[in-house]
PDB file of all heavy atoms in Angstrom:
ATOM      1  N   PHE A   1      17.109  11.688  12.960  1.00  0.00           N
ATOM      2  CA  PHE A   1      17.918  10.508  13.258  1.00  0.00           C
ATOM      3  C   PHE A   1      18.505  10.662  14.660  1.00  0.00           C
ATOM      4  O   PHE A   1      18.679  11.777  15.126  1.00  0.00           O
ATOM      5  CB  PHE A   1      19.035  10.368  12.205  1.00  0.00           C
ATOM      6  CG  PHE A   1      18.524   9.955  10.855  1.00  0.00           C
ATOM      7  CD1 PHE A   1      18.309  10.902   9.850  1.00  0.00           C
ATOM      8  CD2 PHE A   1      18.236   8.623  10.576  1.00  0.00           C
ATOM      9  CE1 PHE A   1      17.838  10.524   8.600  1.00  0.00           C
ATOM     10  CE2 PHE A   1      17.760   8.236   9.322  1.00  0.00           C
ATOM     11  CZ  PHE A   1      17.558   9.186   8.337  1.00  0.00           C
ATOM     12  N   PRO A   2      18.846   9.563  15.352  1.00  0.00           N
ATOM     13  CA  PRO A   2      18.739   8.173  14.909  1.00  0.00           C
ATOM     14  C   PRO A   2      17.305   7.636  14.936  1.00  0.00           C
ATOM     15  O   PRO A   2      16.487   8.101  15.726  1.00  0.00           O
ATOM     16  CB  PRO A   2      19.615   7.416  15.909  1.00  0.00           C
ATOM     17  CG  PRO A   2      19.611   8.253  17.141  1.00  0.00           C
ATOM     18  CD  PRO A   2      19.485   9.670  16.687  1.00  0.00           C
ATOM     19  N   GLN A   3      17.037   6.667  14.038  1.00  0.00           N
ATOM     20  CA  GLN A   3      15.770   5.933  13.997  1.00  0.00           C
ATOM     21  C   GLN A   3      16.035   4.540  14.571  1.00  0.00           C
ATOM     22  O   GLN A   3      16.874   3.809  14.063  1.00  0.00           O
ATOM     23  CB  GLN A   3      15.291   5.798  12.554  1.00  0.00           C
ATOM     24  CG  GLN A   3      14.986   7.119  11.870  1.00  0.00           C
ATOM     25  CD  GLN A   3      13.522   7.503  12.018  1.00  0.00           C
ATOM     26  OE1 GLN A   3      12.644   6.691  11.784  1.00  0.00           O
ATOM     27  NE2 GLN A   3      13.274   8.730  12.405  1.00  0.00           N
ATOM     28  N   GLN A   4      15.308   4.201  15.633  1.00  0.00           N
ATOM     29  CA  GLN A   4      15.561   2.917  16.291  1.00  0.00           C
ATOM     30  C   GLN A   4      14.589   1.833  15.817  1.00  0.00           C
ATOM     31  O   GLN A   4      13.412   2.101  15.594  1.00  0.00           O
ATOM     32  CB  GLN A   4      15.452   3.083  17.809  1.00  0.00           C
ATOM     33  CG  GLN A   4      16.234   2.028  18.579  1.00  0.00           C
ATOM     34  CD  GLN A   4      16.300   2.343  20.062  1.00  0.00           C
ATOM     35  OE1 GLN A   4      15.287   2.317  20.745  1.00  0.00           O
ATOM     36  NE2 GLN A   4      17.500   2.627  20.562  1.00  0.00           N
ATOM     37  N   HIS A   5      15.107   0.620  15.637  1.00  0.00           N
ATOM     38  CA  HIS A   5      14.286  -0.500  15.149  1.00  0.00           C
ATOM     39  C   HIS A   5      14.630  -1.785  15.900  1.00  0.00           C
ATOM     40  O   HIS A   5      15.774  -1.980  16.315  1.00  0.00           O
ATOM     41  CB  HIS A   5      14.552  -0.770  13.659  1.00  0.00           C
ATOM     42  CG  HIS A   5      14.281   0.391  12.771  1.00  0.00           C
ATOM     43  ND1 HIS A   5      13.012   0.740  12.349  1.00  0.00           N
ATOM     44  CD2 HIS A   5      15.132   1.304  12.215  1.00  0.00           C
ATOM     45  CE1 HIS A   5      13.090   1.805  11.558  1.00  0.00           C
ATOM     46  NE2 HIS A   5      14.358   2.172  11.462  1.00  0.00           N
ATOM     47  N   THR A   6      13.639  -2.663  15.994  1.00  0.00           N
ATOM     48  CA  THR A   6      13.885  -4.041  16.439  1.00  0.00           C
ATOM     49  C   THR A   6      13.778  -4.927  15.206  1.00  0.00           C
ATOM     50  O   THR A   6      12.870  -4.761  14.397  1.00  0.00           O
ATOM     51  CB  THR A   6      12.838  -4.474  17.494  1.00  0.00           C
ATOM     52  OG1 THR A   6      12.922  -3.576  18.597  1.00  0.00           O
ATOM     53  CG2 THR A   6      13.097  -5.896  17.976  1.00  0.00           C
ATOM     54  N   LEU A   7      14.711  -5.849  15.067  1.00  0.00           N
ATOM     55  CA  LEU A   7      14.751  -6.707  13.875  1.00  0.00           C
ATOM     56  C   LEU A   7      14.937  -8.162  14.306  1.00  0.00           C
ATOM     57  O   LEU A   7      15.808  -8.467  15.125  1.00  0.00           O
ATOM     58  CB  LEU A   7      15.910  -6.263  12.979  1.00  0.00           C
ATOM     59  CG  LEU A   7      16.221  -7.035  11.696  1.00  0.00           C
ATOM     60  CD1 LEU A   7      16.897  -6.116  10.677  1.00  0.00           C
ATOM     61  CD2 LEU A   7      17.126  -8.241  11.932  1.00  0.00           C
ATOM     62  N   GLU A   8      14.105  -9.024  13.751  1.00  0.00           N
ATOM     63  CA  GLU A   8      14.262 -10.470  13.948  1.00  0.00           C
ATOM     64  C   GLU A   8      14.861 -11.031  12.661  1.00  0.00           C
ATOM     65  O   GLU A   8      14.310 -10.838  11.577  1.00  0.00           O
ATOM     66  CB  GLU A   8      12.889 -11.107  14.215  1.00  0.00           C
ATOM     67  CG  GLU A   8      12.966 -12.564  14.597  1.00  0.00           C
ATOM     68  CD  GLU A   8      11.592 -13.170  14.897  1.00  0.00           C
ATOM     69  OE1 GLU A   8      10.590 -12.742  14.280  1.00  0.00           O
ATOM     70  OE2 GLU A   8      11.535 -14.075  15.741  1.00  0.00           O
ATOM     71  N   MET A   9      16.009 -11.684  12.784  1.00  0.00           N
ATOM     72  CA  MET A   9      16.694 -12.216  11.595  1.00  0.00           C
ATOM     73  C   MET A   9      15.779 -13.203  10.854  1.00  0.00           C
ATOM     74  O   MET A   9      15.042 -13.972  11.475  1.00  0.00           O
ATOM     75  CB  MET A   9      17.984 -12.937  11.991  1.00  0.00           C
ATOM     76  CG  MET A   9      19.034 -12.049  12.624  1.00  0.00           C
ATOM     77  SD  MET A   9      19.739 -10.866  11.457  1.00  0.00           S
ATOM     78  CE  MET A   9      20.722  -9.859  12.601  1.00  0.00           C
ATOM     79  N   GLY A  10      15.836 -13.142   9.526  1.00  0.00           N
ATOM     80  CA  GLY A  10      15.034 -14.058   8.714  1.00  0.00           C
ATOM     81  C   GLY A  10      13.639 -13.555   8.407  1.00  0.00           C
ATOM     82  O   GLY A  10      12.813 -14.303   7.893  1.00  0.00           O
ATOM     83  N   THR A  11      13.379 -12.264   8.700  1.00  0.00           N
ATOM     84  CA  THR A  11      12.042 -11.713   8.411  1.00  0.00           C
ATOM     85  C   THR A  11      12.069 -10.647   7.316  1.00  0.00           C
ATOM     86  O   THR A  11      11.022 -10.127   6.940  1.00  0.00           O
ATOM     87  CB  THR A  11      11.399 -11.094   9.679  1.00  0.00           C
ATOM     88  OG1 THR A  11      12.254 -10.057  10.172  1.00  0.00           O
ATOM     89  CG2 THR A  11      11.190 -12.142  10.763  1.00  0.00           C
ATOM     90  N   ALA A  12      13.255 -10.315   6.804  1.00  0.00           N
ATOM     91  CA  ALA A  12      13.362  -9.277   5.762  1.00  0.00           C
ATOM     92  C   ALA A  12      12.637  -9.737   4.493  1.00  0.00           C
ATOM     93  O   ALA A  12      12.774 -10.881   4.078  1.00  0.00           O
ATOM     94  CB  ALA A  12      14.819  -8.998   5.447  1.00  0.00           C
ATOM     95  N   ILE A  13      11.862  -8.835   3.900  1.00  0.00           N
ATOM     96  CA  ILE A  13      11.134  -9.197   2.675  1.00  0.00           C
ATOM     97  C   ILE A  13      11.420  -8.226   1.514  1.00  0.00           C
ATOM     98  O   ILE A  13      10.683  -8.167   0.555  1.00  0.00           O
ATOM     99  CB  ILE A  13       9.613  -9.352   2.916  1.00  0.00           C
ATOM    100  CG1 ILE A  13       9.009  -8.085   3.512  1.00  0.00           C
ATOM    101  CG2 ILE A  13       9.326 -10.562   3.796  1.00  0.00           C
ATOM    102  CD1 ILE A  13       7.491  -8.074   3.536  1.00  0.00           C
ATOM    103  N   THR A  14      12.512  -7.473   1.632  1.00  0.00           N
ATOM    104  CA  THR A  14      13.003  -6.679   0.495  1.00  0.00           C
ATOM    105  C   THR A  14      14.508  -6.917   0.405  1.00  0.00           C
ATOM    106  O   THR A  14      15.154  -7.218   1.429  1.00  0.00           O
ATOM    107  CB  THR A  14      12.756  -5.154   0.665  1.00  0.00           C
ATOM    108  OG1 THR A  14      13.616  -4.666   1.708  1.00  0.00           O
ATOM    109  CG2 THR A  14      11.300  -4.851   0.991  1.00  0.00           C
ATOM    110  N   PRO A  15      15.104  -6.787  -0.787  1.00  0.00           N
ATOM    111  CA  PRO A  15      16.553  -6.997  -0.899  1.00  0.00           C
ATOM    112  C   PRO A  15      17.364  -6.113   0.039  1.00  0.00           C
ATOM    113  O   PRO A  15      18.297  -6.591   0.691  1.00  0.00           O
ATOM    114  CB  PRO A  15      16.837  -6.661  -2.367  1.00  0.00           C
ATOM    115  CG  PRO A  15      15.560  -7.009  -3.073  1.00  0.00           C
ATOM    116  CD  PRO A  15      14.470  -6.591  -2.112  1.00  0.00           C
ATOM    117  N   VAL A  16      17.012  -4.820   0.149  1.00  0.00           N
ATOM    118  CA  VAL A  16      17.759  -3.911   1.023  1.00  0.00           C
ATOM    119  C   VAL A  16      17.762  -4.437   2.455  1.00  0.00           C
ATOM    120  O   VAL A  16      18.810  -4.487   3.122  1.00  0.00           O
ATOM    121  CB  VAL A  16      17.174  -2.470   0.964  1.00  0.00           C
ATOM    122  CG1 VAL A  16      17.730  -1.603   2.094  1.00  0.00           C
ATOM    123  CG2 VAL A  16      17.476  -1.826  -0.384  1.00  0.00           C
ATOM    124  N   ASP A  17      16.597  -4.870   2.940  1.00  0.00           N
ATOM    125  CA  ASP A  17      16.506  -5.333   4.332  1.00  0.00           C
ATOM    126  C   ASP A  17      17.217  -6.674   4.538  1.00  0.00           C
ATOM    127  O   ASP A  17      17.758  -6.929   5.624  1.00  0.00           O
ATOM    128  CB  ASP A  17      15.041  -5.404   4.769  1.00  0.00           C
ATOM    129  CG  ASP A  17      14.405  -4.020   4.853  1.00  0.00           C
ATOM    130  OD1 ASP A  17      15.156  -3.019   4.841  1.00  0.00           O
ATOM    131  OD2 ASP A  17      13.166  -3.927   4.927  1.00  0.00           O
ATOM    132  N   CYS A  18      17.244  -7.521   3.515  1.00  0.00           N
ATOM    133  CA  CYS A  18      18.038  -8.762   3.596  1.00  0.00           C
ATOM    134  C   CYS A  18      19.510  -8.407   3.802  1.00  0.00           C
ATOM    135  O   CYS A  18      20.210  -9.037   4.607  1.00  0.00           O
ATOM    136  CB  CYS A  18      17.890  -9.590   2.320  1.00  0.00           C
ATOM    137  SG  CYS A  18      16.309 -10.448   2.191  1.00  0.00           S
ATOM    138  N   TYR A  19      19.973  -7.375   3.085  1.00  0.00           N
ATOM    139  CA  TYR A  19      21.374  -6.959   3.220  1.00  0.00           C
ATOM    140  C   TYR A  19      21.638  -6.289   4.568  1.00  0.00           C
ATOM    141  O   TYR A  19      22.722  -6.454   5.144  1.00  0.00           O
ATOM    142  CB  TYR A  19      21.764  -6.044   2.059  1.00  0.00           C
ATOM    143  CG  TYR A  19      21.811  -6.748   0.726  1.00  0.00           C
ATOM    144  CD1 TYR A  19      21.347  -6.126  -0.442  1.00  0.00           C
ATOM    145  CD2 TYR A  19      22.319  -8.040   0.618  1.00  0.00           C
ATOM    146  CE1 TYR A  19      21.391  -6.784  -1.678  1.00  0.00           C
ATOM    147  CE2 TYR A  19      22.368  -8.696  -0.614  1.00  0.00           C
ATOM    148  CZ  TYR A  19      21.899  -8.071  -1.752  1.00  0.00           C
ATOM    149  OH  TYR A  19      21.941  -8.715  -2.961  1.00  0.00           O
ATOM    150  N   VAL A  20      20.654  -5.545   5.083  1.00  0.00           N
ATOM    151  CA  VAL A  20      20.788  -4.957   6.430  1.00  0.00           C
ATOM    152  C   VAL A  20      20.976  -6.082   7.455  1.00  0.00           C
ATOM    153  O   VAL A  20      21.832  -5.991   8.342  1.00  0.00           O
ATOM    154  CB  VAL A  20      19.574  -4.063   6.780  1.00  0.00           C
ATOM    155  CG1 VAL A  20      19.565  -3.695   8.270  1.00  0.00           C
ATOM    156  CG2 VAL A  20      19.577  -2.791   5.933  1.00  0.00           C
ATOM    157  N   GLU A  21      20.193  -7.158   7.326  1.00  0.00           N
ATOM    158  CA  GLU A  21      20.354  -8.319   8.225  1.00  0.00           C
ATOM    159  C   GLU A  21      21.776  -8.885   8.141  1.00  0.00           C
ATOM    160  O   GLU A  21      22.400  -9.176   9.155  1.00  0.00           O
ATOM    161  CB  GLU A  21      19.361  -9.431   7.865  1.00  0.00           C
ATOM    162  CG  GLU A  21      17.940  -9.180   8.322  1.00  0.00           C
ATOM    163  CD  GLU A  21      17.062 -10.440   8.229  1.00  0.00           C
ATOM    164  OE1 GLU A  21      17.603 -11.546   8.017  1.00  0.00           O
ATOM    165  OE2 GLU A  21      15.840 -10.311   8.382  1.00  0.00           O
ATOM    166  N   MET A  22      22.264  -9.068   6.914  1.00  0.00           N
ATOM    167  CA  MET A  22      23.617  -9.628   6.731  1.00  0.00           C
ATOM    168  C   MET A  22      24.679  -8.726   7.360  1.00  0.00           C
ATOM    169  O   MET A  22      25.623  -9.205   8.001  1.00  0.00           O
ATOM    170  CB  MET A  22      23.919  -9.810   5.243  1.00  0.00           C
ATOM    171  CG  MET A  22      23.154 -10.946   4.598  1.00  0.00           C
ATOM    172  SD  MET A  22      23.508 -10.980   2.810  1.00  0.00           S
ATOM    173  CE  MET A  22      22.126 -11.951   2.235  1.00  0.00           C
ATOM    174  N   LEU A  23      24.527  -7.414   7.160  1.00  0.00           N
ATOM    175  CA  LEU A  23      25.491  -6.472   7.733  1.00  0.00           C
ATOM    176  C   LEU A  23      25.458  -6.512   9.257  1.00  0.00           C
ATOM    177  O   LEU A  23      26.516  -6.555   9.907  1.00  0.00           O
ATOM    178  CB  LEU A  23      25.199  -5.050   7.227  1.00  0.00           C
ATOM    179  CG  LEU A  23      25.622  -4.769   5.780  1.00  0.00           C
ATOM    180  CD1 LEU A  23      24.866  -3.581   5.209  1.00  0.00           C
ATOM    181  CD2 LEU A  23      27.131  -4.534   5.695  1.00  0.00           C
ATOM    182  N   LEU A  24      24.255  -6.528   9.849  1.00  0.00           N
ATOM    183  CA  LEU A  24      24.146  -6.523  11.311  1.00  0.00           C
ATOM    184  C   LEU A  24      24.765  -7.763  11.948  1.00  0.00           C
ATOM    185  O   LEU A  24      25.214  -7.726  13.090  1.00  0.00           O
ATOM    186  CB  LEU A  24      22.681  -6.376  11.744  1.00  0.00           C
ATOM    187  CG  LEU A  24      22.102  -4.960  11.625  1.00  0.00           C
ATOM    188  CD1 LEU A  24      20.590  -4.972  11.780  1.00  0.00           C
ATOM    189  CD2 LEU A  24      22.736  -4.016  12.658  1.00  0.00           C
ATOM    190  N   GLN A  25      24.820  -8.862  11.190  1.00  0.00           N
ATOM    191  CA  GLN A  25      25.454 -10.080  11.725  1.00  0.00           C
ATOM    192  C   GLN A  25      26.978  -9.940  11.810  1.00  0.00           C
ATOM    193  O   GLN A  25      27.654 -10.809  12.348  1.00  0.00           O
ATOM    194  CB  GLN A  25      25.060 -11.300  10.890  1.00  0.00           C
ATOM    195  CG  GLN A  25      23.617 -11.711  11.137  1.00  0.00           C
ATOM    196  CD  GLN A  25      23.192 -12.931  10.336  1.00  0.00           C
ATOM    197  OE1 GLN A  25      23.898 -13.933  10.288  1.00  0.00           O
ATOM    198  NE2 GLN A  25      22.037 -12.853   9.697  1.00  0.00           N
ATOM    199  N   GLN A  26      27.517  -8.829  11.279  1.00  0.00           N
ATOM    200  CA  GLN A  26      28.959  -8.553  11.366  1.00  0.00           C
ATOM    201  C   GLN A  26      29.282  -7.522  12.456  1.00  0.00           C
ATOM    202  O   GLN A  26      30.427  -7.101  12.592  1.00  0.00           O
ATOM    203  CB  GLN A  26      29.475  -8.051  10.003  1.00  0.00           C
ATOM    204  CG  GLN A  26      29.249  -9.002   8.849  1.00  0.00           C
ATOM    205  CD  GLN A  26      29.838 -10.371   9.098  1.00  0.00           C
ATOM    206  OE1 GLN A  26      30.929 -10.500   9.651  1.00  0.00           O
ATOM    207  NE2 GLN A  26      29.112 -11.416   8.719  1.00  0.00           N
ATOM    208  N   PHE A  27      28.259  -7.096  13.216  1.00  0.00           N
ATOM    209  CA  PHE A  27      28.435  -6.075  14.249  1.00  0.00           C
ATOM    210  C   PHE A  27      28.650  -6.697  15.628  1.00  0.00           C
ATOM    211  O   PHE A  27      28.116  -7.778  15.909  1.00  0.00           O
ATOM    212  CB  PHE A  27      27.175  -5.199  14.342  1.00  0.00           C
ATOM    213  CG  PHE A  27      27.116  -4.045  13.376  1.00  0.00           C
ATOM    214  CD1 PHE A  27      27.007  -4.268  12.008  1.00  0.00           C
ATOM    215  CD2 PHE A  27      27.135  -2.740  13.832  1.00  0.00           C
ATOM    216  CE1 PHE A  27      26.933  -3.212  11.114  1.00  0.00           C
ATOM    217  CE2 PHE A  27      27.049  -1.664  12.940  1.00  0.00           C
ATOM    218  CZ  PHE A  27      26.952  -1.897  11.584  1.00  0.00           C
ATOM    219  N   LEU A  28      29.383  -5.969  16.491  1.00  0.00           N
ATOM    220  CA  LEU A  28      29.410  -6.266  17.920  1.00  0.00           C
ATOM    221  C   LEU A  28      28.439  -5.313  18.620  1.00  0.00           C
ATOM    222  O   LEU A  28      28.248  -4.182  18.153  1.00  0.00           O
ATOM    223  CB  LEU A  28      30.820  -6.043  18.488  1.00  0.00           C
ATOM    224  CG  LEU A  28      31.906  -7.019  18.026  1.00  0.00           C
ATOM    225  CD1 LEU A  28      33.278  -6.540  18.492  1.00  0.00           C
ATOM    226  CD2 LEU A  28      31.626  -8.426  18.557  1.00  0.00           C
ATOM    227  N   PRO A  29      27.830  -5.724  19.740  1.00  0.00           N
ATOM    228  CA  PRO A  29      26.957  -4.800  20.470  1.00  0.00           C
ATOM    229  C   PRO A  29      27.728  -3.532  20.862  1.00  0.00           C
ATOM    230  O   PRO A  29      28.890  -3.605  21.284  1.00  0.00           O
ATOM    231  CB  PRO A  29      26.549  -5.610  21.707  1.00  0.00           C
ATOM    232  CG  PRO A  29      26.706  -7.038  21.288  1.00  0.00           C
ATOM    233  CD  PRO A  29      27.878  -7.058  20.366  1.00  0.00           C
ATOM    234  N   GLY A  30      27.093  -2.364  20.658  1.00  0.00           N
ATOM    235  CA  GLY A  30      27.743  -1.094  20.973  1.00  0.00           C
ATOM    236  C   GLY A  30      28.554  -0.526  19.818  1.00  0.00           C
ATOM    237  O   GLY A  30      29.136   0.554  19.919  1.00  0.00           O
ATOM    238  N   GLU A  31      28.575  -1.240  18.705  1.00  0.00           N
ATOM    239  CA  GLU A  31      29.377  -0.806  17.546  1.00  0.00           C
ATOM    240  C   GLU A  31      28.570   0.113  16.633  1.00  0.00           C
ATOM    241  O   GLU A  31      27.387  -0.124  16.381  1.00  0.00           O
ATOM    242  CB  GLU A  31      29.834  -2.041  16.755  1.00  0.00           C
ATOM    243  CG  GLU A  31      30.591  -1.711  15.483  1.00  0.00           C
ATOM    244  CD  GLU A  31      30.916  -2.958  14.655  1.00  0.00           C
ATOM    245  OE1 GLU A  31      31.104  -4.054  15.237  1.00  0.00           O
ATOM    246  OE2 GLU A  31      30.973  -2.830  13.414  1.00  0.00           O
ATOM    247  N   THR A  32      29.225   1.165  16.144  1.00  0.00           N
ATOM    248  CA  THR A  32      28.671   2.023  15.100  1.00  0.00           C
ATOM    249  C   THR A  32      29.561   1.876  13.869  1.00  0.00           C
ATOM    250  O   THR A  32      30.790   1.891  13.994  1.00  0.00           O
ATOM    251  CB  THR A  32      28.643   3.501  15.549  1.00  0.00           C
ATOM    252  OG1 THR A  32      27.798   3.604  16.703  1.00  0.00           O
ATOM    253  CG2 THR A  32      28.097   4.414  14.451  1.00  0.00           C
ATOM    254  N   ALA A  33      28.925   1.707  12.706  1.00  0.00           N
ATOM    255  CA  ALA A  33      29.721   1.522  11.480  1.00  0.00           C
ATOM    256  C   ALA A  33      29.064   2.208  10.292  1.00  0.00           C
ATOM    257  O   ALA A  33      27.829   2.323  10.220  1.00  0.00           O
ATOM    258  CB  ALA A  33      29.915   0.041  11.186  1.00  0.00           C
ATOM    259  N   ALA A  34      29.909   2.672   9.376  1.00  0.00           N
ATOM    260  CA  ALA A  34      29.440   3.222   8.095  1.00  0.00           C
ATOM    261  C   ALA A  34      29.265   2.038   7.149  1.00  0.00           C
ATOM    262  O   ALA A  34      30.218   1.282   6.923  1.00  0.00           O
ATOM    263  CB  ALA A  34      30.462   4.200   7.549  1.00  0.00           C
ATOM    264  N   CYS A  35      28.055   1.880   6.627  1.00  0.00           N
ATOM    265  CA  CYS A  35      27.747   0.728   5.765  1.00  0.00           C
ATOM    266  C   CYS A  35      27.371   1.192   4.363  1.00  0.00           C
ATOM    267  O   CYS A  35      26.913   2.323   4.178  1.00  0.00           O
ATOM    268  CB  CYS A  35      26.568  -0.061   6.331  1.00  0.00           C
ATOM    269  SG  CYS A  35      26.838  -0.663   8.000  1.00  0.00           S
ATOM    270  N   SER A  36      27.542   0.305   3.400  1.00  0.00           N
ATOM    271  CA  SER A  36      27.062   0.624   2.055  1.00  0.00           C
ATOM    272  C   SER A  36      26.625  -0.650   1.339  1.00  0.00           C
ATOM    273  O   SER A  36      27.114  -1.744   1.629  1.00  0.00           O
ATOM    274  CB  SER A  36      28.129   1.352   1.236  1.00  0.00           C
ATOM    275  OG  SER A  36      29.184   0.476   0.931  1.00  0.00           O
ATOM    276  N   ILE A  37      25.668  -0.469   0.442  1.00  0.00           N
ATOM    277  CA  ILE A  37      25.210  -1.532  -0.464  1.00  0.00           C
ATOM    278  C   ILE A  37      25.399  -0.976  -1.863  1.00  0.00           C
ATOM    279  O   ILE A  37      24.824   0.072  -2.198  1.00  0.00           O
ATOM    280  CB  ILE A  37      23.719  -1.877  -0.235  1.00  0.00           C
ATOM    281  CG1 ILE A  37      23.446  -2.286   1.218  1.00  0.00           C
ATOM    282  CG2 ILE A  37      23.269  -2.970  -1.203  1.00  0.00           C
ATOM    283  CD1 ILE A  37      21.945  -2.349   1.575  1.00  0.00           C
ATOM    284  N   THR A  38      26.201  -1.653  -2.685  1.00  0.00           N
ATOM    285  CA  THR A  38      26.429  -1.197  -4.067  1.00  0.00           C
ATOM    286  C   THR A  38      25.690  -2.123  -5.016  1.00  0.00           C
ATOM    287  O   THR A  38      25.876  -3.343  -4.972  1.00  0.00           O
ATOM    288  CB  THR A  38      27.936  -1.164  -4.400  1.00  0.00           C
ATOM    289  OG1 THR A  38      28.597  -0.368  -3.410  1.00  0.00           O
ATOM    290  CG2 THR A  38      28.181  -0.573  -5.775  1.00  0.00           C
ATOM    291  N   SER A  39      24.821  -1.535  -5.846  1.00  0.00           N
ATOM    292  CA  SER A  39      24.032  -2.339  -6.782  1.00  0.00           C
ATOM    293  C   SER A  39      24.887  -2.770  -7.973  1.00  0.00           C
ATOM    294  O   SER A  39      25.995  -2.260  -8.170  1.00  0.00           O
ATOM    295  CB  SER A  39      22.831  -1.532  -7.287  1.00  0.00           C
ATOM    296  OG  SER A  39      23.286  -0.517  -8.172  1.00  0.00           O
ATOM    297  N   LYS A  40      24.348  -3.684  -8.766  1.00  0.00           N
ATOM    298  CA  LYS A  40      25.086  -4.170  -9.946  1.00  0.00           C
ATOM    299  C   LYS A  40      25.332  -3.045 -10.954  1.00  0.00           C
ATOM    300  O   LYS A  40      26.256  -3.111 -11.751  1.00  0.00           O
ATOM    301  CB  LYS A  40      24.320  -5.324 -10.606  1.00  0.00           C
ATOM    302  CG  LYS A  40      24.458  -6.623  -9.829  1.00  0.00           C
ATOM    303  CD  LYS A  40      23.884  -7.800 -10.606  1.00  0.00           C
ATOM    304  CE  LYS A  40      24.246  -9.139  -9.962  1.00  0.00           C
ATOM    305  NZ  LYS A  40      23.629  -9.354  -8.657  1.00  0.00           N
ATOM    306  N   THR A  41      24.469  -2.010 -10.911  1.00  0.00           N
ATOM    307  CA  THR A  41      24.644  -0.884 -11.841  1.00  0.00           C
ATOM    308  C   THR A  41      25.563   0.195 -11.253  1.00  0.00           C
ATOM    309  O   THR A  41      25.750   1.252 -11.847  1.00  0.00           O
ATOM    310  CB  THR A  41      23.272  -0.264 -12.197  1.00  0.00           C
ATOM    311  OG1 THR A  41      22.575   0.050 -10.979  1.00  0.00           O
ATOM    312  CG2 THR A  41      22.432  -1.220 -13.022  1.00  0.00           C
TER     313      THR A  41
END
């Protein structure tokens, strides 16, 4: 790590990646944040 990626919003095709898109829309450029996704279980 780190693993670098380019992402175009609206292209996620798994639930995890849909949530990654949603989280990234809450970031400012240059920001590092600890993120989590909690499942229903």
